[in-house]
Amino acid sequence: MLQDMHILAHKSAGPADDDGDTAVVTDVKPKTKRPPLYKVLLLNDDYTPMEFVVHVLERFFGLNHAQAFEIMLTVHKKGLAVVGVFSHEIAETKVTQVMDFARRHQHPLQCTMEKEE
């Protein structure tokens, strides 16, 4: 029965260890590899209002106003900023939500994702 649970007990066989103690050895399974993560990026453009970008960051990425404002400024000054790192499915969903929201409000805001290295 113990072998079915991948636990093996054996009697110690050393001369100095003759007191009948048993050792428990567990069968260790290899760790599964973590799935890759993806960075979600916002790209700067000359038309989307800064206030709209702040609103997007608050709404879709759960940032407070100060955090959203900082990232918006980074996008504005550097041309792009990473706004979060997620699993593939979540990153893809965030990109789709942001792009759909921007289109519905007639803004050319671009949101992309790329595999984290």
PDB file of N, CA and C in Angstrom:
ATOM      1  N   MET A   1       0.833  -1.196   0.000  1.00  0.00           N
ATOM      2  CA  MET A   1       0.000   0.000   0.000  1.00  0.00           C
ATOM      3  C   MET A   1       0.873   1.252   0.000  1.00  0.00           C
ATOM      4  N   LEU A   2       1.948   1.246   0.789  1.00  0.00           N
ATOM      5  CA  LEU A   2       2.809   2.417   0.819  1.00  0.00           C
ATOM      6  C   LEU A   2       3.448   2.681  -0.534  1.00  0.00           C
ATOM      7  N   GLN A   3       3.771   1.636  -1.264  1.00  0.00           N
ATOM      8  CA  GLN A   3       4.381   1.846  -2.571  1.00  0.00           C
ATOM      9  C   GLN A   3       3.395   2.491  -3.539  1.00  0.00           C
ATOM     10  N   ASP A   4       2.106   2.236  -3.387  1.00  0.00           N
ATOM     11  CA  ASP A   4       1.117   2.886  -4.233  1.00  0.00           C
ATOM     12  C   ASP A   4       1.129   4.397  -4.030  1.00  0.00           C
ATOM     13  N   MET A   5       1.512   4.852  -2.856  1.00  0.00           N
ATOM     14  CA  MET A   5       1.546   6.286  -2.559  1.00  0.00           C
ATOM     15  C   MET A   5       2.929   6.865  -2.826  1.00  0.00           C
ATOM     16  N   HIS A   6       3.806   6.118  -3.456  1.00  0.00           N
ATOM     17  CA  HIS A   6       5.153   6.558  -3.798  1.00  0.00           C
ATOM     18  C   HIS A   6       5.991   6.900  -2.585  1.00  0.00           C
ATOM     19  N   ILE A   7       5.759   6.205  -1.484  1.00  0.00           N
ATOM     20  CA  ILE A   7       6.587   6.383  -0.303  1.00  0.00           C
ATOM     21  C   ILE A   7       7.200   5.030   0.009  1.00  0.00           C
ATOM     22  N   LEU A   8       8.488   5.009   0.152  1.00  0.00           N
ATOM     23  CA  LEU A   8       9.179   3.761   0.421  1.00  0.00           C
ATOM     24  C   LEU A   8       9.819   3.837   1.790  1.00  0.00           C
ATOM     25  N   ALA A   9       9.637   2.808   2.579  1.00  0.00           N
ATOM     26  CA  ALA A   9      10.295   2.745   3.885  1.00  0.00           C
ATOM     27  C   ALA A   9      11.321   1.636   3.807  1.00  0.00           C
ATOM     28  N   HIS A  10      12.489   1.898   4.351  1.00  0.00           N
ATOM     29  CA  HIS A  10      13.496   0.848   4.383  1.00  0.00           C
ATOM     30  C   HIS A  10      14.214   0.879   5.720  1.00  0.00           C
ATOM     31  N   LYS A  11      14.766  -0.239   6.086  1.00  0.00           N
ATOM     32  CA  LYS A  11      15.485  -0.372   7.343  1.00  0.00           C
ATOM     33  C   LYS A  11      16.901   0.146   7.135  1.00  0.00           C
ATOM     34  N   SER A  12      17.377   0.962   8.036  1.00  0.00           N
ATOM     35  CA  SER A  12      18.742   1.456   7.949  1.00  0.00           C
ATOM     36  C   SER A  12      19.687   0.279   8.098  1.00  0.00           C
ATOM     37  N   ALA A  13      20.748   0.266   7.306  1.00  0.00           N
ATOM     38  CA  ALA A  13      21.636  -0.888   7.294  1.00  0.00           C
ATOM     39  C   ALA A  13      23.054  -0.512   7.643  1.00  0.00           C
ATOM     40  N   GLY A  14      23.254   0.448   8.486  1.00  0.00           N
ATOM     41  CA  GLY A  14      24.609   0.821   8.874  1.00  0.00           C
ATOM     42  C   GLY A  14      24.968   0.204  10.204  1.00  0.00           C
ATOM     43  N   PRO A  15      26.258  -0.050  10.422  1.00  0.00           N
ATOM     44  CA  PRO A  15      26.677  -0.669  11.671  1.00  0.00           C
ATOM     45  C   PRO A  15      26.412   0.226  12.881  1.00  0.00           C
ATOM     46  N   ALA A  16      26.530   1.531  12.722  1.00  0.00           N
ATOM     47  CA  ALA A  16      26.315   2.428  13.856  1.00  0.00           C
ATOM     48  C   ALA A  16      24.833   2.737  14.037  1.00  0.00           C
ATOM     49  N   ASP A  17      24.008   2.283  13.109  1.00  0.00           N
ATOM     50  CA  ASP A  17      22.601   2.632  13.131  1.00  0.00           C
ATOM     51  C   ASP A  17      21.761   1.368  13.233  1.00  0.00           C
ATOM     52  N   ASP A  18      21.971   0.587  14.230  1.00  0.00           N
ATOM     53  CA  ASP A  18      21.329  -0.710  14.332  1.00  0.00           C
ATOM     54  C   ASP A  18      20.142  -0.709  15.280  1.00  0.00           C
ATOM     55  N   ASP A  19      19.515   0.468  15.447  1.00  0.00           N
ATOM     56  CA  ASP A  19      18.428   0.548  16.413  1.00  0.00           C
ATOM     57  C   ASP A  19      17.058   0.299  15.791  1.00  0.00           C
ATOM     58  N   GLY A  20      16.988  -0.082  14.528  1.00  0.00           N
ATOM     59  CA  GLY A  20      15.718  -0.432  13.913  1.00  0.00           C
ATOM     60  C   GLY A  20      14.923   0.749  13.387  1.00  0.00           C
ATOM     61  N   ASP A  21      15.497   1.961  13.372  1.00  0.00           N
ATOM     62  CA  ASP A  21      14.781   3.120  12.810  1.00  0.00           C
ATOM     63  C   ASP A  21      14.563   2.921  11.319  1.00  0.00           C
ATOM     64  N   THR A  22      13.455   3.438  10.825  1.00  0.00           N
ATOM     65  CA  THR A  22      13.233   3.385   9.381  1.00  0.00           C
ATOM     66  C   THR A  22      13.298   4.793   8.826  1.00  0.00           C
ATOM     67  N   ALA A  23      13.728   4.904   7.593  1.00  0.00           N
ATOM     68  CA  ALA A  23      13.794   6.200   6.911  1.00  0.00           C
ATOM     69  C   ALA A  23      12.690   6.229   5.869  1.00  0.00           C
ATOM     70  N   VAL A  24      12.118   7.391   5.660  1.00  0.00           N
ATOM     71  CA  VAL A  24      11.070   7.542   4.656  1.00  0.00           C
ATOM     72  C   VAL A  24      11.656   8.320   3.486  1.00  0.00           C
ATOM     73  N   VAL A  25      11.511   7.745   2.307  1.00  0.00           N
ATOM     74  CA  VAL A  25      12.010   8.373   1.092  1.00  0.00           C
ATOM     75  C   VAL A  25      10.797   8.706   0.238  1.00  0.00           C
ATOM     76  N   THR A  26      10.677   9.952  -0.149  1.00  0.00           N
ATOM     77  CA  THR A  26       9.541  10.317  -1.002  1.00  0.00           C
ATOM     78  C   THR A  26      10.010  10.374  -2.442  1.00  0.00           C
ATOM     79  N   ASP A  27       9.138   9.972  -3.322  1.00  0.00           N
ATOM     80  CA  ASP A  27       9.409   9.979  -4.753  1.00  0.00           C
ATOM     81  C   ASP A  27       9.162  11.402  -5.245  1.00  0.00           C
ATOM     82  N   VAL A  28      10.199  12.122  -5.654  1.00  0.00           N
ATOM     83  CA  VAL A  28      10.065  13.518  -6.065  1.00  0.00           C
ATOM     84  C   VAL A  28       9.809  13.567  -7.564  1.00  0.00           C
ATOM     85  N   LYS A  29       8.751  14.252  -7.939  1.00  0.00           N
ATOM     86  CA  LYS A  29       8.425  14.409  -9.358  1.00  0.00           C
ATOM     87  C   LYS A  29       9.098  15.674  -9.874  1.00  0.00           C
ATOM     88  N   PRO A  30       9.515  15.672 -11.134  1.00  0.00           N
ATOM     89  CA  PRO A  30      10.144  16.885 -11.670  1.00  0.00           C
ATOM     90  C   PRO A  30       9.136  18.028 -11.708  1.00  0.00           C
ATOM     91  N   LYS A  31       9.637  19.231 -11.456  1.00  0.00           N
ATOM     92  CA  LYS A  31       8.756  20.396 -11.468  1.00  0.00           C
ATOM     93  C   LYS A  31       8.336  20.698 -12.899  1.00  0.00           C
ATOM     94  N   THR A  32       7.086  21.101 -13.041  1.00  0.00           N
ATOM     95  CA  THR A  32       6.617  21.479 -14.367  1.00  0.00           C
ATOM     96  C   THR A  32       7.097  22.894 -14.663  1.00  0.00           C
ATOM     97  N   LYS A  33       7.389  23.142 -15.916  1.00  0.00           N
ATOM     98  CA  LYS A  33       7.882  24.448 -16.327  1.00  0.00           C
ATOM     99  C   LYS A  33       6.740  25.462 -16.295  1.00  0.00           C
ATOM    100  N   ARG A  34       7.013  26.649 -15.775  1.00  0.00           N
ATOM    101  CA  ARG A  34       5.999  27.704 -15.734  1.00  0.00           C
ATOM    102  C   ARG A  34       5.720  28.190 -17.151  1.00  0.00           C
ATOM    103  N   PRO A  35       4.454  28.535 -17.436  1.00  0.00           N
ATOM    104  CA  PRO A  35       4.151  29.042 -18.778  1.00  0.00           C
ATOM    105  C   PRO A  35       4.815  30.402 -18.986  1.00  0.00           C
ATOM    106  N   PRO A  36       5.119  30.731 -20.234  1.00  0.00           N
ATOM    107  CA  PRO A  36       5.771  32.020 -20.493  1.00  0.00           C
ATOM    108  C   PRO A  36       4.841  33.180 -20.157  1.00  0.00           C
ATOM    109  N   LEU A  37       5.451  34.298 -19.793  1.00  0.00           N
ATOM    110  CA  LEU A  37       4.688  35.505 -19.482  1.00  0.00           C
ATOM    111  C   LEU A  37       4.828  36.499 -20.628  1.00  0.00           C
ATOM    112  N   TYR A  38       3.847  37.380 -20.717  1.00  0.00           N
ATOM    113  CA  TYR A  38       3.810  38.361 -21.806  1.00  0.00           C
ATOM    114  C   TYR A  38       3.639  39.769 -21.252  1.00  0.00           C
ATOM    115  N   LYS A  39       4.442  40.688 -21.817  1.00  0.00           N
ATOM    116  CA  LYS A  39       4.338  42.094 -21.450  1.00  0.00           C
ATOM    117  C   LYS A  39       3.244  42.736 -22.300  1.00  0.00           C
ATOM    118  N   VAL A  40       2.413  43.527 -21.662  1.00  0.00           N
ATOM    119  CA  VAL A  40       1.414  44.315 -22.384  1.00  0.00           C
ATOM    120  C   VAL A  40       1.965  45.735 -22.459  1.00  0.00           C
ATOM    121  N   LEU A  41       2.005  46.277 -23.678  1.00  0.00           N
ATOM    122  CA  LEU A  41       2.586  47.601 -23.897  1.00  0.00           C
ATOM    123  C   LEU A  41       1.562  48.560 -24.494  1.00  0.00           C
ATOM    124  N   LEU A  42       1.644  49.806 -24.045  1.00  0.00           N
ATOM    125  CA  LEU A  42       0.863  50.883 -24.667  1.00  0.00           C
ATOM    126  C   LEU A  42       1.828  51.705 -25.504  1.00  0.00           C
ATOM    127  N   LEU A  43       1.373  52.103 -26.690  1.00  0.00           N
ATOM    128  CA  LEU A  43       2.214  52.874 -27.605  1.00  0.00           C
ATOM    129  C   LEU A  43       1.687  54.300 -27.727  1.00  0.00           C
ATOM    130  N   ASN A  44       2.600  55.210 -27.843  1.00  0.00           N
ATOM    131  CA  ASN A  44       2.235  56.624 -27.956  1.00  0.00           C
ATOM    132  C   ASN A  44       1.704  56.946 -29.354  1.00  0.00           C
ATOM    133  N   ASP A  45       0.799  57.883 -29.410  1.00  0.00           N
ATOM    134  CA  ASP A  45       0.354  58.451 -30.694  1.00  0.00           C
ATOM    135  C   ASP A  45       0.101  59.942 -30.453  1.00  0.00           C
ATOM    136  N   ASP A  46      -0.102  60.671 -31.520  1.00  0.00           N
ATOM    137  CA  ASP A  46      -0.270  62.128 -31.406  1.00  0.00           C
ATOM    138  C   ASP A  46      -1.719  62.564 -31.238  1.00  0.00           C
ATOM    139  N   TYR A  47      -2.650  61.601 -31.109  1.00  0.00           N
ATOM    140  CA  TYR A  47      -4.058  61.967 -31.120  1.00  0.00           C
ATOM    141  C   TYR A  47      -4.847  61.570 -29.882  1.00  0.00           C
ATOM    142  N   THR A  48      -4.496  60.459 -29.255  1.00  0.00           N
ATOM    143  CA  THR A  48      -5.258  60.001 -28.094  1.00  0.00           C
ATOM    144  C   THR A  48      -4.993  60.929 -26.910  1.00  0.00           C
ATOM    145  N   PRO A  49      -6.043  61.481 -26.302  1.00  0.00           N
ATOM    146  CA  PRO A  49      -5.851  62.384 -25.161  1.00  0.00           C
ATOM    147  C   PRO A  49      -5.212  61.664 -23.970  1.00  0.00           C
ATOM    148  N   MET A  50      -4.375  62.381 -23.265  1.00  0.00           N
ATOM    149  CA  MET A  50      -3.696  61.825 -22.099  1.00  0.00           C
ATOM    150  C   MET A  50      -4.698  61.336 -21.054  1.00  0.00           C
ATOM    151  N   GLU A  51      -5.785  62.060 -20.889  1.00  0.00           N
ATOM    152  CA  GLU A  51      -6.801  61.682 -19.905  1.00  0.00           C
ATOM    153  C   GLU A  51      -7.430  60.333 -20.252  1.00  0.00           C
ATOM    154  N   PHE A  52      -7.584  60.076 -21.562  1.00  0.00           N
ATOM    155  CA  PHE A  52      -8.150  58.802 -21.996  1.00  0.00           C
ATOM    156  C   PHE A  52      -7.198  57.648 -21.661  1.00  0.00           C
ATOM    157  N   VAL A  53      -5.908  57.865 -21.869  1.00  0.00           N
ATOM    158  CA  VAL A  53      -4.898  56.839 -21.555  1.00  0.00           C
ATOM    159  C   VAL A  53      -4.914  56.548 -20.052  1.00  0.00           C
ATOM    160  N   VAL A  54      -4.997  57.576 -19.232  1.00  0.00           N
ATOM    161  CA  VAL A  54      -5.072  57.393 -17.775  1.00  0.00           C
ATOM    162  C   VAL A  54      -6.318  56.574 -17.423  1.00  0.00           C
ATOM    163  N   HIS A  55      -7.438  56.897 -18.052  1.00  0.00           N
ATOM    164  CA  HIS A  55      -8.684  56.166 -17.794  1.00  0.00           C
ATOM    165  C   HIS A  55      -8.544  54.681 -18.171  1.00  0.00           C
ATOM    166  N   VAL A  56      -7.926  54.409 -19.299  1.00  0.00           N
ATOM    167  CA  VAL A  56      -7.707  53.025 -19.754  1.00  0.00           C
ATOM    168  C   VAL A  56      -6.851  52.264 -18.735  1.00  0.00           C
ATOM    169  N   LEU A  57      -5.805  52.899 -18.267  1.00  0.00           N
ATOM    170  CA  LEU A  57      -4.902  52.251 -17.303  1.00  0.00           C
ATOM    171  C   LEU A  57      -5.612  51.951 -15.982  1.00  0.00           C
ATOM    172  N   GLU A  58      -6.456  52.857 -15.556  1.00  0.00           N
ATOM    173  CA  GLU A  58      -7.218  52.638 -14.320  1.00  0.00           C
ATOM    174  C   GLU A  58      -8.249  51.532 -14.519  1.00  0.00           C
ATOM    175  N   ARG A  59      -8.951  51.597 -15.625  1.00  0.00           N
ATOM    176  CA  ARG A  59     -10.065  50.673 -15.866  1.00  0.00           C
ATOM    177  C   ARG A  59      -9.621  49.237 -16.153  1.00  0.00           C
ATOM    178  N   PHE A  60      -8.633  49.073 -17.018  1.00  0.00           N
ATOM    179  CA  PHE A  60      -8.271  47.729 -17.466  1.00  0.00           C
ATOM    180  C   PHE A  60      -7.064  47.121 -16.745  1.00  0.00           C
ATOM    181  N   PHE A  61      -6.312  47.950 -16.035  1.00  0.00           N
ATOM    182  CA  PHE A  61      -5.125  47.424 -15.356  1.00  0.00           C
ATOM    183  C   PHE A  61      -5.167  47.639 -13.851  1.00  0.00           C
ATOM    184  N   GLY A  62      -6.262  48.194 -13.356  1.00  0.00           N
ATOM    185  CA  GLY A  62      -6.462  48.337 -11.920  1.00  0.00           C
ATOM    186  C   GLY A  62      -5.489  49.277 -11.227  1.00  0.00           C
ATOM    187  N   LEU A  63      -4.957  50.227 -11.962  1.00  0.00           N
ATOM    188  CA  LEU A  63      -4.007  51.171 -11.373  1.00  0.00           C
ATOM    189  C   LEU A  63      -4.746  52.330 -10.712  1.00  0.00           C
ATOM    190  N   ASN A  64      -4.129  52.884  -9.675  1.00  0.00           N
ATOM    191  CA  ASN A  64      -4.716  54.098  -9.104  1.00  0.00           C
ATOM    192  C   ASN A  64      -4.353  55.280 -10.001  1.00  0.00           C
ATOM    193  N   HIS A  65      -4.917  56.433  -9.712  1.00  0.00           N
ATOM    194  CA  HIS A  65      -4.734  57.585 -10.603  1.00  0.00           C
ATOM    195  C   HIS A  65      -3.258  57.985 -10.731  1.00  0.00           C
ATOM    196  N   ALA A  66      -2.539  57.983  -9.623  1.00  0.00           N
ATOM    197  CA  ALA A  66      -1.124  58.389  -9.656  1.00  0.00           C
ATOM    198  C   ALA A  66      -0.287  57.409 -10.493  1.00  0.00           C
ATOM    199  N   GLN A  67      -0.525  56.113 -10.311  1.00  0.00           N
ATOM    200  CA  GLN A  67       0.210  55.104 -11.086  1.00  0.00           C
ATOM    201  C   GLN A  67      -0.115  55.239 -12.577  1.00  0.00           C
ATOM    202  N   ALA A  68      -1.395  55.403 -12.881  1.00  0.00           N
ATOM    203  CA  ALA A  68      -1.828  55.527 -14.273  1.00  0.00           C
ATOM    204  C   ALA A  68      -1.222  56.776 -14.913  1.00  0.00           C
ATOM    205  N   PHE A  69      -1.181  57.860 -14.161  1.00  0.00           N
ATOM    206  CA  PHE A  69      -0.615  59.110 -14.676  1.00  0.00           C
ATOM    207  C   PHE A  69       0.872  58.950 -14.979  1.00  0.00           C
ATOM    208  N   GLU A  70       1.608  58.268 -14.095  1.00  0.00           N
ATOM    209  CA  GLU A  70       3.043  58.016 -14.301  1.00  0.00           C
ATOM    210  C   GLU A  70       3.291  57.220 -15.576  1.00  0.00           C
ATOM    211  N   ILE A  71       2.530  56.146 -15.747  1.00  0.00           N
ATOM    212  CA  ILE A  71       2.713  55.303 -16.938  1.00  0.00           C
ATOM    213  C   ILE A  71       2.331  56.072 -18.193  1.00  0.00           C
ATOM    214  N   MET A  72       1.257  56.853 -18.128  1.00  0.00           N
ATOM    215  CA  MET A  72       0.865  57.663 -19.279  1.00  0.00           C
ATOM    216  C   MET A  72       1.997  58.617 -19.674  1.00  0.00           C
ATOM    217  N   LEU A  73       2.640  59.222 -18.682  1.00  0.00           N
ATOM    218  CA  LEU A  73       3.765  60.124 -18.983  1.00  0.00           C
ATOM    219  C   LEU A  73       4.934  59.376 -19.611  1.00  0.00           C
ATOM    220  N   THR A  74       5.182  58.158 -19.153  1.00  0.00           N
ATOM    221  CA  THR A  74       6.253  57.339 -19.742  1.00  0.00           C
ATOM    222  C   THR A  74       5.926  57.035 -21.202  1.00  0.00           C
ATOM    223  N   VAL A  75       4.685  56.665 -21.475  1.00  0.00           N
ATOM    224  CA  VAL A  75       4.255  56.405 -22.855  1.00  0.00           C
ATOM    225  C   VAL A  75       4.457  57.664 -23.693  1.00  0.00           C
ATOM    226  N   HIS A  76       4.043  58.801 -23.150  1.00  0.00           N
ATOM    227  CA  HIS A  76       4.131  60.075 -23.862  1.00  0.00           C
ATOM    228  C   HIS A  76       5.586  60.459 -24.155  1.00  0.00           C
ATOM    229  N   LYS A  77       6.463  60.292 -23.169  1.00  0.00           N
ATOM    230  CA  LYS A  77       7.859  60.726 -23.317  1.00  0.00           C
ATOM    231  C   LYS A  77       8.739  59.722 -24.055  1.00  0.00           C
ATOM    232  N   LYS A  78       8.522  58.422 -23.805  1.00  0.00           N
ATOM    233  CA  LYS A  78       9.414  57.402 -24.366  1.00  0.00           C
ATOM    234  C   LYS A  78       8.838  56.664 -25.569  1.00  0.00           C
ATOM    235  N   GLY A  79       7.546  56.890 -25.852  1.00  0.00           N
ATOM    236  CA  GLY A  79       6.953  56.250 -27.016  1.00  0.00           C
ATOM    237  C   GLY A  79       6.203  54.968 -26.700  1.00  0.00           C
ATOM    238  N   LEU A  80       6.519  54.339 -25.554  1.00  0.00           N
ATOM    239  CA  LEU A  80       5.804  53.136 -25.128  1.00  0.00           C
ATOM    240  C   LEU A  80       6.128  52.855 -23.672  1.00  0.00           C
ATOM    241  N   ALA A  81       5.311  52.018 -23.066  1.00  0.00           N
ATOM    242  CA  ALA A  81       5.561  51.591 -21.689  1.00  0.00           C
ATOM    243  C   ALA A  81       4.923  50.236 -21.459  1.00  0.00           C
ATOM    244  N   VAL A  82       5.570  49.430 -20.633  1.00  0.00           N
ATOM    245  CA  VAL A  82       4.989  48.159 -20.198  1.00  0.00           C
ATOM    246  C   VAL A  82       3.974  48.492 -19.114  1.00  0.00           C
ATOM    247  N   VAL A  83       2.753  48.008 -19.287  1.00  0.00           N
ATOM    248  CA  VAL A  83       1.705  48.307 -18.304  1.00  0.00           C
ATOM    249  C   VAL A  83       1.357  47.096 -17.443  1.00  0.00           C
ATOM    250  N   GLY A  84       1.928  45.946 -17.771  1.00  0.00           N
ATOM    251  CA  GLY A  84       1.707  44.760 -16.961  1.00  0.00           C
ATOM    252  C   GLY A  84       2.314  43.538 -17.615  1.00  0.00           C
ATOM    253  N   VAL A  85       2.478  42.488 -16.812  1.00  0.00           N
ATOM    254  CA  VAL A  85       3.024  41.222 -17.302  1.00  0.00           C
ATOM    255  C   VAL A  85       2.053  40.126 -16.872  1.00  0.00           C
ATOM    256  N   PHE A  86       1.603  39.337 -17.853  1.00  0.00           N
ATOM    257  CA  PHE A  86       0.524  38.380 -17.616  1.00  0.00           C
ATOM    258  C   PHE A  86       0.769  37.082 -18.376  1.00  0.00           C
ATOM    259  N   SER A  87      -0.061  36.082 -18.074  1.00  0.00           N
ATOM    260  CA  SER A  87      -0.070  34.869 -18.886  1.00  0.00           C
ATOM    261  C   SER A  87      -0.562  35.256 -20.281  1.00  0.00           C
ATOM    262  N   HIS A  88      -0.352  34.371 -21.248  1.00  0.00           N
ATOM    263  CA  HIS A  88      -0.729  34.664 -22.634  1.00  0.00           C
ATOM    264  C   HIS A  88      -2.204  35.030 -22.756  1.00  0.00           C
ATOM    265  N   GLU A  89      -3.075  34.236 -22.130  1.00  0.00           N
ATOM    266  CA  GLU A  89      -4.510  34.452 -22.271  1.00  0.00           C
ATOM    267  C   GLU A  89      -4.945  35.785 -21.675  1.00  0.00           C
ATOM    268  N   ILE A  90      -4.416  36.116 -20.513  1.00  0.00           N
ATOM    269  CA  ILE A  90      -4.792  37.380 -19.865  1.00  0.00           C
ATOM    270  C   ILE A  90      -4.238  38.560 -20.648  1.00  0.00           C
ATOM    271  N   ALA A  91      -2.991  38.462 -21.105  1.00  0.00           N
ATOM    272  CA  ALA A  91      -2.397  39.547 -21.900  1.00  0.00           C
ATOM    273  C   ALA A  91      -3.209  39.782 -23.166  1.00  0.00           C
ATOM    274  N   GLU A  92      -3.574  38.695 -23.824  1.00  0.00           N
ATOM    275  CA  GLU A  92      -4.361  38.797 -25.052  1.00  0.00           C
ATOM    276  C   GLU A  92      -5.715  39.461 -24.796  1.00  0.00           C
ATOM    277  N   THR A  93      -6.336  39.099 -23.695  1.00  0.00           N
ATOM    278  CA  THR A  93      -7.621  39.693 -23.322  1.00  0.00           C
ATOM    279  C   THR A  93      -7.473  41.182 -23.056  1.00  0.00           C
ATOM    280  N   LYS A  94      -6.442  41.557 -22.304  1.00  0.00           N
ATOM    281  CA  LYS A  94      -6.219  42.985 -21.990  1.00  0.00           C
ATOM    282  C   LYS A  94      -6.007  43.788 -23.272  1.00  0.00           C
ATOM    283  N   VAL A  95      -5.185  43.263 -24.181  1.00  0.00           N
ATOM    284  CA  VAL A  95      -4.926  43.968 -25.448  1.00  0.00           C
ATOM    285  C   VAL A  95      -6.235  44.156 -26.211  1.00  0.00           C
ATOM    286  N   THR A  96      -7.023  43.107 -26.303  1.00  0.00           N
ATOM    287  CA  THR A  96      -8.306  43.184 -27.021  1.00  0.00           C
ATOM    288  C   THR A  96      -9.246  44.186 -26.365  1.00  0.00           C
ATOM    289  N   GLN A  97      -9.339  44.160 -25.038  1.00  0.00           N
ATOM    290  CA  GLN A  97     -10.220  45.090 -24.325  1.00  0.00           C
ATOM    291  C   GLN A  97      -9.809  46.538 -24.574  1.00  0.00           C
ATOM    292  N   VAL A  98      -8.520  46.817 -24.475  1.00  0.00           N
ATOM    293  CA  VAL A  98      -8.024  48.192 -24.663  1.00  0.00           C
ATOM    294  C   VAL A  98      -8.265  48.649 -26.096  1.00  0.00           C
ATOM    295  N   MET A  99      -7.944  47.778 -27.055  1.00  0.00           N
ATOM    296  CA  MET A  99      -8.112  48.162 -28.461  1.00  0.00           C
ATOM    297  C   MET A  99      -9.593  48.392 -28.800  1.00  0.00           C
ATOM    298  N   ASP A 100     -10.457  47.524 -28.320  1.00  0.00           N
ATOM    299  CA  ASP A 100     -11.898  47.699 -28.572  1.00  0.00           C
ATOM    300  C   ASP A 100     -12.418  48.980 -27.935  1.00  0.00           C
ATOM    301  N   PHE A 101     -12.008  49.226 -26.714  1.00  0.00           N
ATOM    302  CA  PHE A 101     -12.447  50.423 -25.991  1.00  0.00           C
ATOM    303  C   PHE A 101     -11.975  51.689 -26.714  1.00  0.00           C
ATOM    304  N   ALA A 102     -10.721  51.677 -27.157  1.00  0.00           N
ATOM    305  CA  ALA A 102     -10.180  52.841 -27.878  1.00  0.00           C
ATOM    306  C   ALA A 102     -10.940  53.075 -29.185  1.00  0.00           C
ATOM    307  N   ARG A 103     -11.209  51.998 -29.935  1.00  0.00           N
ATOM    308  CA  ARG A 103     -11.951  52.140 -31.206  1.00  0.00           C
ATOM    309  C   ARG A 103     -13.361  52.679 -30.965  1.00  0.00           C
ATOM    310  N   ARG A 104     -14.023  52.157 -29.921  1.00  0.00           N
ATOM    311  CA  ARG A 104     -15.384  52.624 -29.618  1.00  0.00           C
ATOM    312  C   ARG A 104     -15.398  54.114 -29.299  1.00  0.00           C
ATOM    313  N   HIS A 105     -14.294  54.611 -28.753  1.00  0.00           N
ATOM    314  CA  HIS A 105     -14.197  56.036 -28.424  1.00  0.00           C
ATOM    315  C   HIS A 105     -13.442  56.816 -29.505  1.00  0.00           C
ATOM    316  N   GLN A 106     -13.231  56.174 -30.637  1.00  0.00           N
ATOM    317  CA  GLN A 106     -12.602  56.783 -31.815  1.00  0.00           C
ATOM    318  C   GLN A 106     -11.215  57.352 -31.537  1.00  0.00           C
ATOM    319  N   HIS A 107     -10.421  56.570 -30.798  1.00  0.00           N
ATOM    320  CA  HIS A 107      -9.023  56.949 -30.552  1.00  0.00           C
ATOM    321  C   HIS A 107      -8.115  55.903 -31.185  1.00  0.00           C
ATOM    322  N   PRO A 108      -6.986  56.340 -31.729  1.00  0.00           N
ATOM    323  CA  PRO A 108      -6.066  55.399 -32.390  1.00  0.00           C
ATOM    324  C   PRO A 108      -5.076  54.718 -31.423  1.00  0.00           C
ATOM    325  N   LEU A 109      -5.360  54.714 -30.152  1.00  0.00           N
ATOM    326  CA  LEU A 109      -4.465  54.119 -29.158  1.00  0.00           C
ATOM    327  C   LEU A 109      -4.115  52.682 -29.534  1.00  0.00           C
ATOM    328  N   GLN A 110      -2.828  52.363 -29.457  1.00  0.00           N
ATOM    329  CA  GLN A 110      -2.358  51.019 -29.773  1.00  0.00           C
ATOM    330  C   GLN A 110      -1.865  50.315 -28.510  1.00  0.00           C
ATOM    331  N   CYS A 111      -2.252  49.050 -28.395  1.00  0.00           N
ATOM    332  CA  CYS A 111      -1.850  48.211 -27.267  1.00  0.00           C
ATOM    333  C   CYS A 111      -1.380  46.891 -27.872  1.00  0.00           C
ATOM    334  N   THR A 112      -0.194  46.437 -27.461  1.00  0.00           N
ATOM    335  CA  THR A 112       0.355  45.197 -27.996  1.00  0.00           C
ATOM    336  C   THR A 112       0.886  44.341 -26.846  1.00  0.00           C
ATOM    337  N   MET A 113       1.306  43.134 -27.213  1.00  0.00           N
ATOM    338  CA  MET A 113       1.919  42.252 -26.229  1.00  0.00           C
ATOM    339  C   MET A 113       3.135  41.592 -26.848  1.00  0.00           C
ATOM    340  N   GLU A 114       4.103  41.269 -25.998  1.00  0.00           N
ATOM    341  CA  GLU A 114       5.273  40.538 -26.485  1.00  0.00           C
ATOM    342  C   GLU A 114       5.765  39.611 -25.375  1.00  0.00           C
ATOM    343  N   LYS A 115       6.345  38.510 -25.785  1.00  0.00           N
ATOM    344  CA  LYS A 115       6.815  37.497 -24.850  1.00  0.00           C
ATOM    345  C   LYS A 115       7.957  38.077 -24.012  1.00  0.00           C
ATOM    346  N   GLU A 116       7.877  37.817 -22.717  1.00  0.00           N
ATOM    347  CA  GLU A 116       8.918  38.282 -21.820  1.00  0.00           C
ATOM    348  C   GLU A 116      10.120  37.350 -21.948  1.00  0.00           C
ATOM    349  N   GLU A 117      11.304  37.911 -21.981  1.00  0.00           N
ATOM    350  CA  GLU A 117      12.514  37.092 -22.138  1.00  0.00           C
ATOM    351  C   GLU A 117      13.178  36.840 -20.813  1.00  0.00           C
TER     352      GLU A 117
END
